[in-house]
Amino acid sequence: MTDVRDPSAGPPTRRPNDGTPSRQPGGTLPARQFAGDLPGRYPVGEQPASDLQGGSGGGLAMPSRQTAARPPRPAGRHRRPVPVSLPQSAPALVLAVPGTDTDLTAGAVGELAAVLRVDNPAVDVRAARVDGGGPGDPSDIQAVLADAASRRPDGAACAVVIPLIATPNPPVTRRLREAIAVSGAKAVVSGFINSNALIAEVLHIRLAEAGLARADRVRLFSIVTAADGILIATIGGPDGAAAANVTSVLLAARLALPVIPASLDSAPTLQEGMMRLREMGVNRPAIAPCIIGPEASKSDLDALAIGGECAAPLGAHSNIAKLAAVAYGQAISQLEIPGEQL
């Protein structure tokens, strides 16, 4: 093929399909045209008023951005359960412990109280026995409430009392309310410590610590001694066992195993629960005590060893301390505290 281009004309130019002129070698780009010239930039605070109002340039400049005050952060799942600061008149957080021989300064009770004090330094944290020796016993609930009331203004709530139980226990709650009524103290009784998801997590951890369940539910590695069925043991009669139904479902989802609740002090009994697991094809059952510790007597703990290997009670896990703090925070949010508006 013969090239018929004129050598003196230089390299060919490319023309877009829309017919707009292309850049010529050695030439300059055409000036960019606007419907109206935009005003030039000015330092913040020095822009002429004529520009802001659409002056002679024909353009309308945007006003400088003004930063508005940041609104308060709304409540949500990451909100602290207890305010960072509280007045001295704020109610005490009293852990009401079942049993007559529980050491309130050591074990699960002492450790929970210590964790609550560290996490909530503005809160007056105390522990008391529901079944103490009466007003003469400094650890009795009546004596603890009387001391708390003496340190707060008259008429103000002196304490938020939290029963240290993981499932409903009507007898314990009844004795606690009777003791508070006898004391005459103005105190608020919160519900029992339970959040099905947090309790299920602690049960999983205790089973894993005993080698009865895998610790990692993502990698799904197996353990030779792991159980193939779990019995959740509760205290508190039929109400306690019924309240553990949701917890058992959540634990079953975590472990991909059959999990059923049973009761240490009523029906359905541990033996009945074991029979149900056997009927479901479980050969290596394990028991997960859904109890914090002090609410179980020695005979209750001995009964846990019947029928299968047993994990440790919930104890002073951080989730239990978190639930106690949440219960306290919810209670004081409904109270009028002298010297502070929450």
Protein backbone atom coordinates (compact mmCIF):
# COMPACT_ATOMS: atom_id res chain seq x y z
CA MET A 1 0.00 0.00 0.00
CA THR A 2 1.29 3.48 -0.94
CA ASP A 3 1.36 6.21 1.73
CA VAL A 4 -0.26 9.26 0.11
CA ARG A 5 0.19 11.59 3.11
CA ASP A 6 2.02 14.85 2.62
CA PRO A 7 5.32 14.52 4.53
CA SER A 8 5.34 18.25 5.29
CA ALA A 9 1.96 18.09 7.02
CA GLY A 10 3.35 16.46 10.19
CA PRO A 11 1.77 13.60 12.07
CA PRO A 12 -1.94 13.07 11.59
CA THR A 13 -4.33 14.43 14.14
CA ARG A 14 -7.02 12.49 15.90
CA ARG A 15 -10.52 13.83 15.93
CA PRO A 16 -13.06 12.54 18.41
CA ASN A 17 -16.31 11.25 17.08
CA ASP A 18 -18.20 14.26 18.49
CA GLY A 19 -16.40 16.65 16.15
CA THR A 20 -14.61 18.69 18.83
CA PRO A 21 -11.22 20.09 17.83
CA SER A 22 -8.22 18.08 18.87
CA ARG A 23 -4.95 19.35 20.24
CA GLN A 24 -2.47 20.44 17.56
CA PRO A 25 1.21 19.82 18.00
CA GLY A 26 2.85 22.89 19.44
CA GLY A 27 -0.53 24.52 19.97
CA THR A 28 -2.25 25.54 23.19
CA LEU A 29 -5.39 24.25 24.78
CA PRO A 30 -8.45 26.44 24.37
CA ALA A 31 -9.48 28.36 27.45
CA ARG A 32 -12.12 26.63 29.50
CA GLN A 33 -15.42 28.44 29.28
CA PHE A 34 -18.01 28.58 32.06
CA ALA A 35 -21.47 29.98 32.18
CA GLY A 36 -20.29 32.20 35.00
CA ASP A 37 -16.83 32.69 36.47
CA LEU A 38 -16.48 31.16 39.90
CA PRO A 39 -15.12 33.54 42.53
CA GLY A 40 -11.64 32.92 43.76
CA ARG A 41 -10.83 31.29 47.06
CA TYR A 42 -10.43 33.41 50.14
CA PRO A 43 -9.16 32.62 53.58
CA VAL A 44 -11.86 31.61 56.04
CA GLY A 45 -13.61 34.69 57.34
CA GLU A 46 -12.31 37.03 54.55
CA GLN A 47 -14.65 36.17 51.70
CA PRO A 48 -16.42 39.26 50.35
CA ALA A 49 -20.06 39.54 51.13
CA SER A 50 -20.81 40.21 47.46
CA ASP A 51 -19.53 36.73 46.58
CA LEU A 52 -21.69 35.12 49.25
CA GLN A 53 -24.71 36.89 47.81
CA GLY A 54 -24.01 36.22 44.13
CA GLY A 55 -22.00 39.36 43.23
CA SER A 56 -20.64 40.70 39.96
CA GLY A 57 -18.84 37.48 39.10
CA GLY A 58 -22.17 35.77 38.48
CA GLY A 59 -21.27 32.78 40.68
CA LEU A 60 -22.64 31.84 44.03
CA ALA A 61 -19.96 30.73 46.45
CA MET A 62 -20.67 28.24 49.18
CA PRO A 63 -20.42 29.72 52.67
CA SER A 64 -17.66 28.42 54.89
CA ARG A 65 -18.61 25.26 56.77
CA GLN A 66 -19.63 25.86 60.33
CA THR A 67 -19.01 23.03 62.78
CA ALA A 68 -22.06 22.48 64.91
CA ALA A 69 -21.88 21.30 68.47
CA ARG A 70 -21.69 17.51 68.64
CA PRO A 71 -24.88 16.03 70.04
CA PRO A 72 -24.61 13.75 73.04
CA ARG A 73 -23.92 10.13 72.20
CA PRO A 74 -27.14 8.13 72.42
CA ALA A 75 -27.49 5.15 74.65
CA GLY A 76 -26.54 1.80 73.19
CA ARG A 77 -24.88 -1.53 73.75
CA HIS A 78 -21.49 0.07 74.52
CA ARG A 79 -22.81 2.52 77.07
CA ARG A 80 -21.39 2.12 80.57
CA PRO A 81 -23.94 0.42 82.82
CA VAL A 82 -22.99 2.71 85.72
CA PRO A 83 -22.14 6.43 85.45
CA VAL A 84 -18.47 7.27 85.89
CA SER A 85 -19.19 9.65 88.78
CA LEU A 86 -21.88 9.42 91.44
CA PRO A 87 -22.61 11.56 94.51
CA GLN A 88 -21.94 10.16 97.95
CA SER A 89 -25.69 9.92 98.45
CA ALA A 90 -25.99 7.32 95.66
CA PRO A 91 -27.36 3.97 96.86
CA ALA A 92 -24.96 1.21 97.77
CA LEU A 93 -24.74 -1.91 95.63
CA VAL A 94 -25.46 -4.79 97.98
CA LEU A 95 -24.89 -8.37 96.84
CA ALA A 96 -27.43 -10.46 98.76
CA VAL A 97 -25.86 -13.88 99.27
CA PRO A 98 -27.92 -16.98 100.14
CA GLY A 99 -26.59 -19.36 102.78
CA THR A 100 -25.36 -18.94 106.33
CA ASP A 101 -21.74 -20.08 106.11
CA THR A 102 -20.51 -18.35 102.93
CA ASP A 103 -17.32 -16.32 103.31
CA LEU A 104 -18.19 -12.83 102.04
CA THR A 105 -14.56 -11.68 101.80
CA ALA A 106 -13.17 -14.56 99.74
CA GLY A 107 -14.27 -17.01 97.09
CA ALA A 108 -16.80 -16.05 94.45
CA VAL A 109 -18.46 -13.35 96.57
CA GLY A 110 -15.24 -11.62 97.56
CA GLU A 111 -13.88 -11.75 94.02
CA LEU A 112 -17.10 -10.38 92.49
CA ALA A 113 -17.19 -7.52 95.00
CA ALA A 114 -13.54 -6.71 94.23
CA VAL A 115 -14.17 -6.66 90.47
CA LEU A 116 -17.21 -4.41 90.90
CA ARG A 117 -15.21 -1.97 93.05
CA VAL A 118 -12.39 -1.77 90.52
CA ASP A 119 -14.70 -1.33 87.53
CA ASN A 120 -17.01 1.12 89.33
CA PRO A 121 -14.92 3.12 91.81
CA ALA A 122 -17.79 5.56 92.47
CA VAL A 123 -20.07 2.80 93.77
CA ASP A 124 -20.27 1.68 97.40
CA VAL A 125 -20.15 -2.11 96.93
CA ARG A 126 -21.09 -4.38 99.82
CA ALA A 127 -22.03 -8.00 100.44
CA ALA A 128 -24.58 -9.30 102.92
CA ARG A 129 -26.15 -12.62 103.91
CA VAL A 130 -29.83 -13.14 103.24
CA ASP A 131 -29.93 -15.72 106.04
CA GLY A 132 -27.62 -14.04 108.53
CA GLY A 133 -27.77 -13.97 112.29
CA GLY A 134 -30.01 -10.92 112.57
CA PRO A 135 -29.21 -7.24 113.24
CA GLY A 136 -26.42 -8.21 115.64
CA ASP A 137 -24.52 -9.92 112.83
CA PRO A 138 -22.57 -7.28 110.85
CA SER A 139 -22.87 -9.41 107.71
CA ASP A 140 -26.65 -9.78 107.97
CA ILE A 141 -28.68 -7.94 105.33
CA GLN A 142 -30.51 -5.90 107.99
CA ALA A 143 -27.28 -4.70 109.59
CA VAL A 144 -25.70 -3.83 106.23
CA LEU A 145 -28.77 -1.84 105.16
CA ALA A 146 -28.92 -0.01 108.49
CA ASP A 147 -25.28 1.07 108.12
CA ALA A 148 -25.86 2.15 104.51
CA ALA A 149 -28.93 4.18 105.53
CA SER A 150 -27.00 5.97 108.29
CA ARG A 151 -24.55 7.31 105.70
CA ARG A 152 -27.21 8.77 103.39
CA PRO A 153 -29.83 11.52 103.64
CA ASP A 154 -33.13 10.69 105.28
CA GLY A 155 -35.72 9.48 102.82
CA ALA A 156 -33.19 8.58 100.13
CA ALA A 157 -32.78 5.03 98.86
CA CYS A 158 -29.86 3.55 100.74
CA ALA A 159 -29.16 0.50 98.57
CA VAL A 160 -29.88 -1.49 95.46
CA VAL A 161 -30.00 -5.10 96.61
CA ILE A 162 -29.07 -7.71 94.00
CA PRO A 163 -29.76 -11.36 94.83
CA LEU A 164 -26.66 -13.35 93.95
CA ILE A 165 -28.51 -16.09 92.06
CA ALA A 166 -28.29 -17.06 88.39
CA THR A 167 -31.88 -18.32 88.02
CA PRO A 168 -35.12 -17.38 89.78
CA ASN A 169 -35.27 -18.72 93.31
CA PRO A 170 -38.63 -17.77 94.91
CA PRO A 171 -37.73 -18.92 98.47
CA VAL A 172 -34.55 -16.83 98.51
CA THR A 173 -36.33 -13.80 97.05
CA ARG A 174 -39.13 -14.10 99.61
CA ARG A 175 -36.73 -14.28 102.56
CA LEU A 176 -34.79 -11.32 101.18
CA ARG A 177 -37.88 -9.13 100.86
CA GLU A 178 -39.04 -10.10 104.34
CA ALA A 179 -35.66 -9.15 105.83
CA ILE A 180 -35.68 -5.76 104.06
CA ALA A 181 -39.24 -5.09 105.25
CA VAL A 182 -38.24 -5.85 108.85
CA SER A 183 -35.23 -3.56 108.61
CA GLY A 184 -37.38 -0.61 107.55
CA ALA A 185 -34.66 0.57 105.16
CA LYS A 186 -35.56 2.18 101.86
CA ALA A 187 -33.93 -0.25 99.44
CA VAL A 188 -34.64 -1.43 95.91
CA VAL A 189 -34.50 -5.16 95.14
CA SER A 190 -33.38 -5.90 91.59
CA GLY A 191 -34.05 -9.06 89.65
CA PHE A 192 -31.76 -12.08 89.73
CA ILE A 193 -28.52 -11.94 87.78
CA ASN A 194 -29.19 -13.47 84.38
CA SER A 195 -28.72 -12.69 80.73
CA ASN A 196 -29.16 -15.88 78.75
CA ALA A 197 -26.40 -15.07 76.26
CA LEU A 198 -23.82 -14.07 78.90
CA ILE A 199 -24.67 -17.01 81.13
CA ALA A 200 -24.42 -19.42 78.19
CA GLU A 201 -20.99 -18.01 77.42
CA VAL A 202 -19.77 -18.65 80.97
CA LEU A 203 -21.18 -22.19 80.95
CA HIS A 204 -19.28 -22.81 77.70
CA ILE A 205 -16.07 -21.50 79.27
CA ARG A 206 -16.43 -23.64 82.41
CA LEU A 207 -17.07 -26.77 80.30
CA ALA A 208 -14.02 -26.01 78.17
CA GLU A 209 -11.86 -25.48 81.27
CA ALA A 210 -12.88 -28.96 82.47
CA GLY A 211 -12.08 -30.48 79.07
CA LEU A 212 -15.73 -31.32 78.49
CA ALA A 213 -16.31 -29.09 75.46
CA ARG A 214 -14.25 -27.51 72.73
CA ALA A 215 -13.12 -24.02 73.56
CA ASP A 216 -13.20 -22.78 69.95
CA ARG A 217 -16.55 -23.05 68.19
CA VAL A 218 -15.11 -21.75 64.91
CA ARG A 219 -12.34 -24.22 64.20
CA LEU A 220 -14.45 -27.10 65.53
CA PHE A 221 -11.53 -29.20 66.72
CA SER A 222 -12.45 -32.25 68.77
CA ILE A 223 -11.48 -33.22 72.29
CA VAL A 224 -11.27 -36.90 73.20
CA THR A 225 -12.79 -36.36 76.66
CA ALA A 226 -15.47 -33.95 75.42
CA ALA A 227 -19.08 -34.69 76.25
CA ASP A 228 -21.69 -35.34 73.59
CA GLY A 229 -24.59 -33.96 75.65
CA ILE A 230 -24.94 -31.32 78.37
CA LEU A 231 -27.23 -31.13 81.38
CA ILE A 232 -27.66 -27.63 82.83
CA ALA A 233 -28.18 -27.91 86.60
CA THR A 234 -30.19 -25.16 88.30
CA ILE A 235 -31.41 -24.28 91.79
CA GLY A 236 -34.74 -22.60 92.50
CA GLY A 237 -37.35 -25.24 91.84
CA PRO A 238 -39.39 -25.43 88.65
CA ASP A 239 -39.01 -21.69 88.07
CA GLY A 240 -35.24 -21.98 87.97
CA ALA A 241 -35.29 -24.90 85.57
CA ALA A 242 -37.83 -23.21 83.29
CA ALA A 243 -35.77 -20.02 83.21
CA ALA A 244 -32.78 -21.99 81.91
CA ASN A 245 -34.59 -23.15 78.79
CA VAL A 246 -33.38 -20.24 76.66
CA THR A 247 -29.87 -20.58 78.10
CA SER A 248 -29.84 -24.26 77.12
CA VAL A 249 -30.86 -23.41 73.55
CA LEU A 250 -28.07 -20.84 73.24
CA LEU A 251 -25.50 -23.24 74.70
CA ALA A 252 -26.65 -25.96 72.31
CA ALA A 253 -26.12 -23.55 69.43
CA ARG A 254 -22.60 -22.78 70.64
CA LEU A 255 -21.61 -26.44 71.04
CA ALA A 256 -23.81 -28.12 68.40
CA LEU A 257 -24.83 -30.62 71.08
CA PRO A 258 -28.09 -31.55 72.81
CA VAL A 259 -28.52 -29.48 75.98
CA ILE A 260 -31.41 -29.72 78.44
CA PRO A 261 -32.01 -28.09 81.86
CA ALA A 262 -32.66 -29.92 85.12
CA SER A 263 -33.08 -28.98 88.76
CA LEU A 264 -31.11 -29.86 91.87
CA ASP A 265 -34.05 -29.25 94.22
CA SER A 266 -37.18 -30.15 92.23
CA ALA A 267 -38.46 -31.71 89.04
CA PRO A 268 -37.17 -32.20 86.44
CA THR A 269 -34.41 -33.85 88.45
CA LEU A 270 -30.86 -34.57 87.35
CA GLN A 271 -31.72 -38.26 86.99
CA GLU A 272 -34.66 -37.44 84.73
CA GLY A 273 -32.46 -35.15 82.68
CA MET A 274 -29.85 -37.87 82.29
CA MET A 275 -32.49 -40.31 81.09
CA ARG A 276 -33.64 -37.84 78.47
CA LEU A 277 -30.09 -37.38 77.23
CA ARG A 278 -29.61 -41.15 77.03
CA GLU A 279 -32.79 -41.44 74.98
CA MET A 280 -31.32 -38.85 72.61
CA GLY A 281 -28.27 -41.07 72.05
CA VAL A 282 -25.88 -39.27 74.42
CA ASN A 283 -23.13 -41.58 75.71
CA ARG A 284 -20.86 -39.06 77.46
CA PRO A 285 -23.08 -36.60 79.34
CA ALA A 286 -21.64 -33.67 81.28
CA ILE A 287 -23.18 -31.37 83.87
CA ALA A 288 -22.89 -27.57 83.65
CA PRO A 289 -23.94 -25.98 86.97
CA CYS A 290 -25.92 -22.82 86.28
CA ILE A 291 -25.20 -21.55 89.77
CA ILE A 292 -22.82 -18.86 91.01
CA GLY A 293 -21.82 -20.95 94.02
CA PRO A 294 -23.09 -19.71 97.38
CA GLU A 295 -26.72 -20.64 96.62
CA ALA A 296 -25.79 -24.33 96.47
CA SER A 297 -25.47 -26.37 99.66
CA LYS A 298 -22.91 -29.14 100.15
CA SER A 299 -25.55 -31.79 99.41
CA ASP A 300 -26.44 -29.95 96.20
CA LEU A 301 -22.80 -29.94 95.11
CA ASP A 302 -22.46 -33.64 95.99
CA ALA A 303 -25.50 -34.40 93.82
CA LEU A 304 -23.76 -32.85 90.83
CA ALA A 305 -21.27 -35.72 90.74
CA ILE A 306 -24.00 -38.27 90.01
CA GLY A 307 -24.39 -39.47 86.45
CA GLY A 308 -21.64 -37.64 84.61
CA GLU A 309 -18.59 -35.41 84.75
CA CYS A 310 -19.20 -31.94 86.09
CA ALA A 311 -17.80 -28.50 85.26
CA ALA A 312 -17.21 -25.78 87.85
CA PRO A 313 -19.98 -23.34 88.86
CA LEU A 314 -20.20 -19.93 87.20
CA GLY A 315 -18.26 -18.33 90.06
CA ALA A 316 -16.74 -14.86 89.83
CA HIS A 317 -16.61 -14.60 86.06
CA SER A 318 -16.46 -11.09 84.62
CA ASN A 319 -19.83 -11.63 82.93
CA ILE A 320 -21.45 -12.06 86.36
CA ALA A 321 -19.90 -8.80 87.56
CA LYS A 322 -21.11 -7.11 84.37
CA LEU A 323 -24.66 -8.34 84.96
CA ALA A 324 -24.60 -7.03 88.54
CA ALA A 325 -23.41 -3.63 87.32
CA VAL A 326 -26.16 -3.55 84.68
CA ALA A 327 -28.80 -4.38 87.29
CA TYR A 328 -27.50 -1.59 89.53
CA GLY A 329 -27.36 0.93 86.69
CA GLN A 330 -30.92 0.16 85.62
CA ALA A 331 -32.17 0.57 89.18
CA ILE A 332 -30.52 3.94 89.90
CA SER A 333 -31.70 5.32 86.56
CA GLN A 334 -35.22 5.13 88.00
CA LEU A 335 -34.31 6.82 91.30
CA GLU A 336 -33.97 10.44 92.34
CA ILE A 337 -30.56 10.76 93.95
CA PRO A 338 -29.94 13.88 96.04
CA GLY A 339 -27.19 16.05 94.56
CA GLU A 340 -27.17 14.40 91.16
CA GLN A 341 -29.44 14.25 88.13
CA LEU A 342 -28.86 11.01 86.23
